[in-house]
Protein backbone atom coordinates (compact mmCIF):
# COMPACT_ATOMS: atom_id res chain seq x y z
CA UNK A 1 0.00 0.00 0.00
CA UNK A 2 1.39 3.39 -0.98
CA UNK A 3 0.18 6.50 0.81
CA UNK A 4 0.22 9.66 -1.31
CA UNK A 5 -1.06 12.49 0.90
CA UNK A 6 -2.57 15.48 -0.84
CA UNK A 7 -0.33 17.97 0.95
CA UNK A 8 2.98 16.08 1.35
CA UNK A 9 2.09 15.32 4.96
CA UNK A 10 2.14 12.07 6.85
CA UNK A 11 -0.80 9.92 7.90
CA UNK A 12 -1.60 9.56 11.60
CA UNK A 13 -0.64 5.88 11.51
CA UNK A 14 3.00 6.52 10.55
CA UNK A 15 4.34 6.82 14.07
CA UNK A 16 6.69 4.60 15.99
CA UNK A 17 7.81 5.01 19.59
CA UNK A 18 11.56 4.93 18.84
CA UNK A 19 11.32 8.21 16.87
CA UNK A 20 10.87 11.21 19.15
CA UNK A 21 10.31 14.86 18.32
CA UNK A 22 13.30 16.73 19.82
CA UNK A 23 11.01 19.60 20.88
CA UNK A 24 8.40 17.80 22.95
CA UNK A 25 9.44 14.13 23.03
CA UNK A 26 6.28 12.87 21.32
CA UNK A 27 6.59 9.85 19.02
CA UNK A 28 6.96 10.83 15.36
CA UNK A 29 8.34 9.39 12.17
CA UNK A 30 8.67 11.35 8.97
CA UNK A 31 8.78 9.67 5.60
CA UNK A 32 12.07 10.39 3.88
CA UNK A 33 13.53 8.70 0.85
CA UNK A 34 16.76 9.00 -1.05
CA UNK A 35 19.05 9.22 1.99
CA UNK A 36 22.66 8.35 1.20
CA UNK A 37 24.72 6.08 3.47
CA UNK A 38 27.37 7.65 5.75
CA UNK A 39 25.71 11.07 5.50
CA UNK A 40 24.64 13.47 8.26
CA UNK A 41 21.30 15.18 7.79
CA UNK A 42 19.77 18.04 9.80
CA UNK A 43 16.02 18.48 9.86
CA UNK A 44 13.04 19.99 11.63
CA UNK A 45 9.51 18.61 11.77
CA UNK A 46 6.07 20.01 12.48
CA UNK A 47 2.62 18.55 12.86
CA UNK A 48 -0.47 19.35 10.86
CA UNK A 49 -4.16 18.55 10.87
CA UNK A 50 -6.60 18.61 7.98
CA UNK A 51 -6.01 17.99 4.28
CA UNK A 52 -7.82 20.68 2.30
CA UNK A 53 -7.08 23.57 4.69
CA UNK A 54 -4.25 22.28 6.86
CA UNK A 55 -3.38 23.86 10.19
CA UNK A 56 0.33 23.56 10.92
CA UNK A 57 2.04 23.44 14.31
CA UNK A 58 5.37 25.00 15.20
CA UNK A 59 8.62 23.58 13.86
CA UNK A 60 10.67 21.43 16.21
CA UNK A 61 14.22 22.29 17.19
CA UNK A 62 16.82 21.25 14.63
CA UNK A 63 17.85 17.62 15.03
CA UNK A 64 20.51 15.73 13.13
CA UNK A 65 21.22 12.13 12.43
CA UNK A 66 23.73 10.15 10.43
CA UNK A 67 22.71 7.28 8.21
CA UNK A 68 24.38 3.90 8.66
CA UNK A 69 27.83 3.25 7.25
CA UNK A 70 26.71 0.46 4.93
CA UNK A 71 29.17 -1.02 2.45
CA UNK A 72 28.08 0.25 -0.98
CA UNK A 73 27.68 -1.71 -4.21
CA UNK A 74 26.51 -0.34 -7.57
CA UNK A 75 24.38 -1.43 -10.52
CA UNK A 76 24.34 0.42 -13.83
CA UNK A 77 22.94 -0.17 -17.30
CA UNK A 78 26.58 0.15 -18.48
CA UNK A 79 27.96 -2.46 -16.04
CA UNK A 80 28.52 -6.22 -16.22
CA UNK A 81 27.43 -8.87 -13.74
CA UNK A 82 31.00 -10.27 -13.83
CA UNK A 83 32.24 -7.03 -12.18
CA UNK A 84 32.76 -6.65 -8.42
CA UNK A 85 30.02 -4.03 -7.93
CA UNK A 86 32.35 -1.81 -5.87
CA UNK A 87 32.24 1.27 -8.10
CA UNK A 88 29.76 3.27 -10.14
CA UNK A 89 31.85 3.10 -13.32
CA UNK A 90 31.25 0.49 -16.03
CA UNK A 91 34.40 -1.42 -15.06
CA UNK A 92 33.02 -2.11 -11.56
CA UNK A 93 29.21 -1.78 -11.50
CA UNK A 94 26.97 -4.79 -11.94
CA UNK A 95 24.56 -4.74 -14.90
CA UNK A 96 21.31 -6.23 -13.60
CA UNK A 97 19.10 -5.47 -10.65
CA UNK A 98 18.49 -9.22 -10.32
CA UNK A 99 22.19 -9.90 -9.78
CA UNK A 100 22.84 -6.88 -7.56
CA UNK A 101 19.80 -7.26 -5.29
CA UNK A 102 20.41 -10.99 -4.93
CA UNK A 103 24.11 -10.51 -4.17
CA UNK A 104 24.08 -7.82 -1.48
CA UNK A 105 24.00 -8.96 2.10
CA UNK A 106 22.44 -7.60 5.24
CA UNK A 107 23.95 -4.25 6.19
CA UNK A 108 24.75 -3.39 2.56
CA UNK A 109 23.26 -0.92 0.10
CA UNK A 110 22.95 -1.32 -3.66
CA UNK A 111 23.01 2.08 -5.38
CA UNK A 112 21.02 1.88 -8.62
CA UNK A 113 22.26 4.36 -11.20
CA UNK A 114 19.67 6.01 -13.42
CA UNK A 115 18.33 4.29 -16.50
CA UNK A 116 15.79 1.85 -17.86
CA UNK A 117 16.33 -1.72 -16.72
CA UNK A 118 14.75 -3.97 -19.34
CA UNK A 119 14.24 -7.72 -18.90
CA UNK A 120 15.13 -7.35 -15.22
CA UNK A 121 13.59 -8.06 -11.82
CA UNK A 122 14.36 -8.01 -8.11
CA UNK A 123 14.08 -11.15 -5.98
CA UNK A 124 15.27 -10.66 -2.41
CA UNK A 125 15.24 -13.39 0.24
CA UNK A 126 17.82 -12.03 2.70
CA UNK A 127 16.86 -12.51 6.36
CA UNK A 128 18.12 -9.25 7.82
CA UNK A 129 17.56 -7.33 11.05
CA UNK A 130 16.37 -3.78 11.72
CA UNK A 131 19.97 -2.85 12.56
CA UNK A 132 21.40 -4.29 9.33
CA UNK A 133 18.94 -4.08 6.43
CA UNK A 134 19.55 -5.00 2.78
CA UNK A 135 18.83 -1.78 0.87
CA UNK A 136 18.30 -1.12 -2.84
CA UNK A 137 18.47 2.67 -3.34
CA UNK A 138 18.17 4.64 -6.55
CA UNK A 139 21.03 7.13 -6.69
CA UNK A 140 19.53 10.38 -5.32
CA UNK A 141 18.63 12.63 -8.25
CA UNK A 142 18.53 9.76 -10.75
CA UNK A 143 15.47 8.02 -12.20
CA UNK A 144 15.65 4.24 -12.51
CA UNK A 145 12.81 2.11 -13.84
CA UNK A 146 12.22 -1.60 -14.43
CA UNK A 147 10.69 -1.38 -17.91
CA UNK A 148 10.18 -5.11 -18.51
CA UNK A 149 10.78 -8.36 -16.74
CA UNK A 150 12.19 -11.69 -17.91
CA UNK A 151 9.88 -14.09 -19.78
CA UNK A 152 7.63 -16.15 -17.48
CA UNK A 153 8.39 -13.89 -14.51
CA UNK A 154 5.19 -13.20 -12.56
CA UNK A 155 6.45 -10.09 -10.79
CA UNK A 156 9.09 -7.44 -11.37
CA UNK A 157 9.66 -7.31 -7.60
CA UNK A 158 9.48 -10.05 -5.00
CA UNK A 159 10.52 -9.59 -1.37
CA UNK A 160 10.51 -12.78 0.71
CA UNK A 161 13.00 -11.93 3.47
CA UNK A 162 13.14 -9.66 6.50
CA UNK A 163 14.06 -5.97 6.77
CA UNK A 164 14.48 -5.37 3.04
CA UNK A 165 14.24 -1.86 1.56
CA UNK A 166 13.58 -0.75 -2.03
CA UNK A 167 13.88 3.04 -2.29
CA UNK A 168 13.01 5.14 -5.34
CA UNK A 169 12.78 2.43 -8.01
CA UNK A 170 10.07 2.88 -10.63
CA UNK A 171 8.16 0.08 -12.30
CA UNK A 172 6.68 0.22 -15.80
CA UNK A 173 6.67 -3.45 -16.76
CA UNK A 174 3.55 -4.54 -18.62
CA UNK A 175 4.28 -8.18 -17.74
CA UNK A 176 3.04 -7.84 -14.18
CA UNK A 177 -0.68 -8.64 -13.79
CA UNK A 178 -3.04 -5.75 -13.01
CA UNK A 179 -3.32 -5.06 -9.29
CA UNK A 180 0.12 -6.45 -8.54
CA UNK A 181 3.31 -4.52 -7.85
C-alpha atoms as a PDB file:
ATOM      1  CA  UNK A   1       0.000   0.000   0.000  1.00  0.00           C
ATOM      2  CA  UNK A   2       1.392   3.390  -0.983  1.00  0.00           C
ATOM      3  CA  UNK A   3       0.175   6.501   0.807  1.00  0.00           C
ATOM      4  CA  UNK A   4       0.218   9.660  -1.310  1.00  0.00           C
ATOM      5  CA  UNK A   5      -1.060  12.487   0.897  1.00  0.00           C
ATOM      6  CA  UNK A   6      -2.571  15.480  -0.838  1.00  0.00           C
ATOM      7  CA  UNK A   7      -0.326  17.968   0.947  1.00  0.00           C
ATOM      8  CA  UNK A   8       2.985  16.082   1.348  1.00  0.00           C
ATOM      9  CA  UNK A   9       2.088  15.321   4.963  1.00  0.00           C
ATOM     10  CA  UNK A  10       2.137  12.068   6.851  1.00  0.00           C
ATOM     11  CA  UNK A  11      -0.805   9.917   7.898  1.00  0.00           C
ATOM     12  CA  UNK A  12      -1.600   9.563  11.600  1.00  0.00           C
ATOM     13  CA  UNK A  13      -0.642   5.885  11.508  1.00  0.00           C
ATOM     14  CA  UNK A  14       2.996   6.515  10.554  1.00  0.00           C
ATOM     15  CA  UNK A  15       4.342   6.815  14.068  1.00  0.00           C
ATOM     16  CA  UNK A  16       6.687   4.595  15.992  1.00  0.00           C
ATOM     17  CA  UNK A  17       7.814   5.006  19.585  1.00  0.00           C
ATOM     18  CA  UNK A  18      11.561   4.929  18.842  1.00  0.00           C
ATOM     19  CA  UNK A  19      11.318   8.211  16.869  1.00  0.00           C
ATOM     20  CA  UNK A  20      10.870  11.213  19.148  1.00  0.00           C
ATOM     21  CA  UNK A  21      10.311  14.864  18.318  1.00  0.00           C
ATOM     22  CA  UNK A  22      13.302  16.732  19.816  1.00  0.00           C
ATOM     23  CA  UNK A  23      11.015  19.597  20.878  1.00  0.00           C
ATOM     24  CA  UNK A  24       8.404  17.803  22.949  1.00  0.00           C
ATOM     25  CA  UNK A  25       9.441  14.135  23.029  1.00  0.00           C
ATOM     26  CA  UNK A  26       6.281  12.867  21.316  1.00  0.00           C
ATOM     27  CA  UNK A  27       6.590   9.853  19.018  1.00  0.00           C
ATOM     28  CA  UNK A  28       6.963  10.833  15.364  1.00  0.00           C
ATOM     29  CA  UNK A  29       8.342   9.388  12.169  1.00  0.00           C
ATOM     30  CA  UNK A  30       8.666  11.345   8.974  1.00  0.00           C
ATOM     31  CA  UNK A  31       8.779   9.665   5.603  1.00  0.00           C
ATOM     32  CA  UNK A  32      12.074  10.388   3.877  1.00  0.00           C
ATOM     33  CA  UNK A  33      13.527   8.699   0.848  1.00  0.00           C
ATOM     34  CA  UNK A  34      16.763   9.000  -1.047  1.00  0.00           C
ATOM     35  CA  UNK A  35      19.046   9.223   1.991  1.00  0.00           C
ATOM     36  CA  UNK A  36      22.660   8.354   1.195  1.00  0.00           C
ATOM     37  CA  UNK A  37      24.719   6.080   3.472  1.00  0.00           C
ATOM     38  CA  UNK A  38      27.370   7.654   5.748  1.00  0.00           C
ATOM     39  CA  UNK A  39      25.705  11.067   5.497  1.00  0.00           C
ATOM     40  CA  UNK A  40      24.644  13.466   8.263  1.00  0.00           C
ATOM     41  CA  UNK A  41      21.299  15.182   7.792  1.00  0.00           C
ATOM     42  CA  UNK A  42      19.772  18.036   9.796  1.00  0.00           C
ATOM     43  CA  UNK A  43      16.021  18.478   9.863  1.00  0.00           C
ATOM     44  CA  UNK A  44      13.041  19.986  11.634  1.00  0.00           C
ATOM     45  CA  UNK A  45       9.513  18.611  11.769  1.00  0.00           C
ATOM     46  CA  UNK A  46       6.067  20.011  12.476  1.00  0.00           C
ATOM     47  CA  UNK A  47       2.622  18.554  12.859  1.00  0.00           C
ATOM     48  CA  UNK A  48      -0.475  19.355  10.864  1.00  0.00           C
ATOM     49  CA  UNK A  49      -4.156  18.545  10.868  1.00  0.00           C
ATOM     50  CA  UNK A  50      -6.596  18.610   7.978  1.00  0.00           C
ATOM     51  CA  UNK A  51      -6.010  17.993   4.284  1.00  0.00           C
ATOM     52  CA  UNK A  52      -7.821  20.677   2.295  1.00  0.00           C
ATOM     53  CA  UNK A  53      -7.081  23.574   4.685  1.00  0.00           C
ATOM     54  CA  UNK A  54      -4.252  22.277   6.862  1.00  0.00           C
ATOM     55  CA  UNK A  55      -3.377  23.860  10.185  1.00  0.00           C
ATOM     56  CA  UNK A  56       0.330  23.563  10.919  1.00  0.00           C
ATOM     57  CA  UNK A  57       2.040  23.435  14.308  1.00  0.00           C
ATOM     58  CA  UNK A  58       5.369  25.003  15.203  1.00  0.00           C
ATOM     59  CA  UNK A  59       8.622  23.583  13.864  1.00  0.00           C
ATOM     60  CA  UNK A  60      10.673  21.427  16.207  1.00  0.00           C
ATOM     61  CA  UNK A  61      14.220  22.288  17.189  1.00  0.00           C
ATOM     62  CA  UNK A  62      16.816  21.247  14.627  1.00  0.00           C
ATOM     63  CA  UNK A  63      17.852  17.625  15.031  1.00  0.00           C
ATOM     64  CA  UNK A  64      20.510  15.733  13.131  1.00  0.00           C
ATOM     65  CA  UNK A  65      21.224  12.126  12.428  1.00  0.00           C
ATOM     66  CA  UNK A  66      23.728  10.146  10.434  1.00  0.00           C
ATOM     67  CA  UNK A  67      22.715   7.276   8.209  1.00  0.00           C
ATOM     68  CA  UNK A  68      24.381   3.902   8.663  1.00  0.00           C
ATOM     69  CA  UNK A  69      27.832   3.253   7.248  1.00  0.00           C
ATOM     70  CA  UNK A  70      26.712   0.461   4.935  1.00  0.00           C
ATOM     71  CA  UNK A  71      29.171  -1.021   2.448  1.00  0.00           C
ATOM     72  CA  UNK A  72      28.084   0.246  -0.976  1.00  0.00           C
ATOM     73  CA  UNK A  73      27.677  -1.712  -4.206  1.00  0.00           C
ATOM     74  CA  UNK A  74      26.506  -0.343  -7.573  1.00  0.00           C
ATOM     75  CA  UNK A  75      24.375  -1.426 -10.515  1.00  0.00           C
ATOM     76  CA  UNK A  76      24.341   0.421 -13.830  1.00  0.00           C
ATOM     77  CA  UNK A  77      22.941  -0.168 -17.305  1.00  0.00           C
ATOM     78  CA  UNK A  78      26.584   0.150 -18.484  1.00  0.00           C
ATOM     79  CA  UNK A  79      27.964  -2.457 -16.037  1.00  0.00           C
ATOM     80  CA  UNK A  80      28.516  -6.221 -16.218  1.00  0.00           C
ATOM     81  CA  UNK A  81      27.431  -8.868 -13.736  1.00  0.00           C
ATOM     82  CA  UNK A  82      31.002 -10.269 -13.832  1.00  0.00           C
ATOM     83  CA  UNK A  83      32.239  -7.032 -12.179  1.00  0.00           C
ATOM     84  CA  UNK A  84      32.760  -6.655  -8.424  1.00  0.00           C
ATOM     85  CA  UNK A  85      30.020  -4.030  -7.928  1.00  0.00           C
ATOM     86  CA  UNK A  86      32.352  -1.812  -5.871  1.00  0.00           C
ATOM     87  CA  UNK A  87      32.243   1.274  -8.101  1.00  0.00           C
ATOM     88  CA  UNK A  88      29.764   3.275 -10.140  1.00  0.00           C
ATOM     89  CA  UNK A  89      31.853   3.104 -13.319  1.00  0.00           C
ATOM     90  CA  UNK A  90      31.248   0.486 -16.026  1.00  0.00           C
ATOM     91  CA  UNK A  91      34.404  -1.419 -15.059  1.00  0.00           C
ATOM     92  CA  UNK A  92      33.021  -2.113 -11.556  1.00  0.00           C
ATOM     93  CA  UNK A  93      29.208  -1.780 -11.495  1.00  0.00           C
ATOM     94  CA  UNK A  94      26.965  -4.792 -11.939  1.00  0.00           C
ATOM     95  CA  UNK A  95      24.561  -4.744 -14.901  1.00  0.00           C
ATOM     96  CA  UNK A  96      21.311  -6.232 -13.597  1.00  0.00           C
ATOM     97  CA  UNK A  97      19.102  -5.473 -10.647  1.00  0.00           C
ATOM     98  CA  UNK A  98      18.488  -9.217 -10.319  1.00  0.00           C
ATOM     99  CA  UNK A  99      22.194  -9.902  -9.779  1.00  0.00           C
ATOM    100  CA  UNK A 100      22.835  -6.879  -7.557  1.00  0.00           C
ATOM    101  CA  UNK A 101      19.804  -7.258  -5.288  1.00  0.00           C
ATOM    102  CA  UNK A 102      20.415 -10.988  -4.934  1.00  0.00           C
ATOM    103  CA  UNK A 103      24.112 -10.512  -4.166  1.00  0.00           C
ATOM    104  CA  UNK A 104      24.078  -7.817  -1.483  1.00  0.00           C
ATOM    105  CA  UNK A 105      24.002  -8.956   2.100  1.00  0.00           C
ATOM    106  CA  UNK A 106      22.442  -7.597   5.237  1.00  0.00           C
ATOM    107  CA  UNK A 107      23.950  -4.254   6.194  1.00  0.00           C
ATOM    108  CA  UNK A 108      24.752  -3.389   2.564  1.00  0.00           C
ATOM    109  CA  UNK A 109      23.258  -0.921   0.101  1.00  0.00           C
ATOM    110  CA  UNK A 110      22.949  -1.324  -3.658  1.00  0.00           C
ATOM    111  CA  UNK A 111      23.010   2.075  -5.379  1.00  0.00           C
ATOM    112  CA  UNK A 112      21.016   1.885  -8.620  1.00  0.00           C
ATOM    113  CA  UNK A 113      22.265   4.364 -11.203  1.00  0.00           C
ATOM    114  CA  UNK A 114      19.669   6.015 -13.420  1.00  0.00           C
ATOM    115  CA  UNK A 115      18.333   4.293 -16.498  1.00  0.00           C
ATOM    116  CA  UNK A 116      15.792   1.855 -17.863  1.00  0.00           C
ATOM    117  CA  UNK A 117      16.331  -1.717 -16.720  1.00  0.00           C
ATOM    118  CA  UNK A 118      14.753  -3.971 -19.342  1.00  0.00           C
ATOM    119  CA  UNK A 119      14.240  -7.722 -18.897  1.00  0.00           C
ATOM    120  CA  UNK A 120      15.129  -7.348 -15.220  1.00  0.00           C
ATOM    121  CA  UNK A 121      13.595  -8.064 -11.824  1.00  0.00           C
ATOM    122  CA  UNK A 122      14.358  -8.013  -8.113  1.00  0.00           C
ATOM    123  CA  UNK A 123      14.081 -11.151  -5.979  1.00  0.00           C
ATOM    124  CA  UNK A 124      15.275 -10.664  -2.413  1.00  0.00           C
ATOM    125  CA  UNK A 125      15.237 -13.393   0.241  1.00  0.00           C
ATOM    126  CA  UNK A 126      17.817 -12.030   2.698  1.00  0.00           C
ATOM    127  CA  UNK A 127      16.856 -12.514   6.357  1.00  0.00           C
ATOM    128  CA  UNK A 128      18.124  -9.245   7.817  1.00  0.00           C
ATOM    129  CA  UNK A 129      17.560  -7.330  11.047  1.00  0.00           C
ATOM    130  CA  UNK A 130      16.374  -3.784  11.723  1.00  0.00           C
ATOM    131  CA  UNK A 131      19.972  -2.846  12.562  1.00  0.00           C
ATOM    132  CA  UNK A 132      21.405  -4.287   9.326  1.00  0.00           C
ATOM    133  CA  UNK A 133      18.943  -4.084   6.427  1.00  0.00           C
ATOM    134  CA  UNK A 134      19.553  -5.001   2.784  1.00  0.00           C
ATOM    135  CA  UNK A 135      18.833  -1.778   0.874  1.00  0.00           C
ATOM    136  CA  UNK A 136      18.304  -1.117  -2.844  1.00  0.00           C
ATOM    137  CA  UNK A 137      18.468   2.668  -3.338  1.00  0.00           C
ATOM    138  CA  UNK A 138      18.171   4.642  -6.552  1.00  0.00           C
ATOM    139  CA  UNK A 139      21.030   7.126  -6.691  1.00  0.00           C
ATOM    140  CA  UNK A 140      19.526  10.375  -5.322  1.00  0.00           C
ATOM    141  CA  UNK A 141      18.635  12.633  -8.253  1.00  0.00           C
ATOM    142  CA  UNK A 142      18.528   9.758 -10.751  1.00  0.00           C
ATOM    143  CA  UNK A 143      15.471   8.017 -12.197  1.00  0.00           C
ATOM    144  CA  UNK A 144      15.655   4.236 -12.512  1.00  0.00           C
ATOM    145  CA  UNK A 145      12.806   2.106 -13.844  1.00  0.00           C
ATOM    146  CA  UNK A 146      12.223  -1.597 -14.427  1.00  0.00           C
ATOM    147  CA  UNK A 147      10.689  -1.377 -17.910  1.00  0.00           C
ATOM    148  CA  UNK A 148      10.181  -5.107 -18.512  1.00  0.00           C
ATOM    149  CA  UNK A 149      10.776  -8.365 -16.736  1.00  0.00           C
ATOM    150  CA  UNK A 150      12.188 -11.692 -17.914  1.00  0.00           C
ATOM    151  CA  UNK A 151       9.878 -14.086 -19.780  1.00  0.00           C
ATOM    152  CA  UNK A 152       7.629 -16.155 -17.479  1.00  0.00           C
ATOM    153  CA  UNK A 153       8.391 -13.886 -14.506  1.00  0.00           C
ATOM    154  CA  UNK A 154       5.189 -13.201 -12.556  1.00  0.00           C
ATOM    155  CA  UNK A 155       6.449 -10.095 -10.793  1.00  0.00           C
ATOM    156  CA  UNK A 156       9.092  -7.442 -11.369  1.00  0.00           C
ATOM    157  CA  UNK A 157       9.655  -7.305  -7.604  1.00  0.00           C
ATOM    158  CA  UNK A 158       9.484 -10.051  -4.995  1.00  0.00           C
ATOM    159  CA  UNK A 159      10.517  -9.592  -1.369  1.00  0.00           C
ATOM    160  CA  UNK A 160      10.509 -12.782   0.707  1.00  0.00           C
ATOM    161  CA  UNK A 161      12.997 -11.935   3.469  1.00  0.00           C
ATOM    162  CA  UNK A 162      13.135  -9.662   6.496  1.00  0.00           C
ATOM    163  CA  UNK A 163      14.062  -5.969   6.765  1.00  0.00           C
ATOM    164  CA  UNK A 164      14.479  -5.367   3.036  1.00  0.00           C
ATOM    165  CA  UNK A 165      14.239  -1.860   1.559  1.00  0.00           C
ATOM    166  CA  UNK A 166      13.582  -0.753  -2.027  1.00  0.00           C
ATOM    167  CA  UNK A 167      13.882   3.037  -2.293  1.00  0.00           C
ATOM    168  CA  UNK A 168      13.014   5.140  -5.336  1.00  0.00           C
ATOM    169  CA  UNK A 169      12.778   2.435  -8.010  1.00  0.00           C
ATOM    170  CA  UNK A 170      10.068   2.876 -10.631  1.00  0.00           C
ATOM    171  CA  UNK A 171       8.163   0.082 -12.298  1.00  0.00           C
ATOM    172  CA  UNK A 172       6.680   0.221 -15.804  1.00  0.00           C
ATOM    173  CA  UNK A 173       6.668  -3.447 -16.757  1.00  0.00           C
ATOM    174  CA  UNK A 174       3.552  -4.540 -18.618  1.00  0.00           C
ATOM    175  CA  UNK A 175       4.283  -8.184 -17.744  1.00  0.00           C
ATOM    176  CA  UNK A 176       3.036  -7.836 -14.176  1.00  0.00           C
ATOM    177  CA  UNK A 177      -0.684  -8.642 -13.792  1.00  0.00           C
ATOM    178  CA  UNK A 178      -3.045  -5.753 -13.014  1.00  0.00           C
ATOM    179  CA  UNK A 179      -3.317  -5.057  -9.290  1.00  0.00           C
ATOM    180  CA  UNK A 180       0.123  -6.454  -8.537  1.00  0.00           C
ATOM    181  CA  UNK A 181       3.313  -4.525  -7.847  1.00  0.00           C
END
